[in-house]
Amino acid sequence: MNRETRRDLLIFALLLAFGVVGRWAEPAWNFTPLAAVTALGAFYFRSWLPAILLPSTLLVVSDLMLPSHDAWQVQLSVHLMAIVPLMLGRAARNQEGWRRAAFWGMCGFVPATMFYLVTNFAVWASKSLYAPTVAGLMESYAKALPFYRTMLAGDVCYIALMTACLAAAHLLQPQGLEQPIERK
């Protein structure tokens, strides 16, 4: 096993552990590093395979200790929303300068917003908690606002932390962590 492969496995394991522990030990609902870990993994790994395996494994492992959702549609929507930071992190690879910074900024609010909209629609559509009316949908969104605010704060904080760590690692070892821009 070469040095780069060992480094990638170590980074995968560290990101996975950080994400799982962050979901298990969250001090407030939805204040987790999931979006940040997913975006950073998608940005860092050259191959799509570890970029996709990271959030998938993180969710499956951390879900073992978390309460399950009442409906499979809700669980599916939670897992599918990991695609949003994955795509943003991957897109950031192809950018430079302020455009790359803009993608990292979007990682701070787009995943939480999409998660809020999609998962609460799934909760409403499962018909387990809210009336199947527009008023029921609005009630679902209104009652989820505290969770959205907490998730938004968590995403912003963890994205800032992850990008700061990436920048620090790049300063300490610029050749070892350089991810070239992929032009198509």
Foldseek 3Di string as FASTA:
>chain_A
DDPLVVVLVVLLVVLLVQQLVQLVVPPDAQLGLLLQSLLQLLQQDPDVVSSLVSSVVSCVVSVVPDDDDPDVLLVVLQSVLSVVSNVLSNVLLQDDDPVNVVSLVCSLQVSLVSSLLRNLVSVQVVVPPFDVDPVRSVVSSVVCVVNSVSNSVSRNVSSVVSVVVLVVVCVVPVVSRDRHNDDD
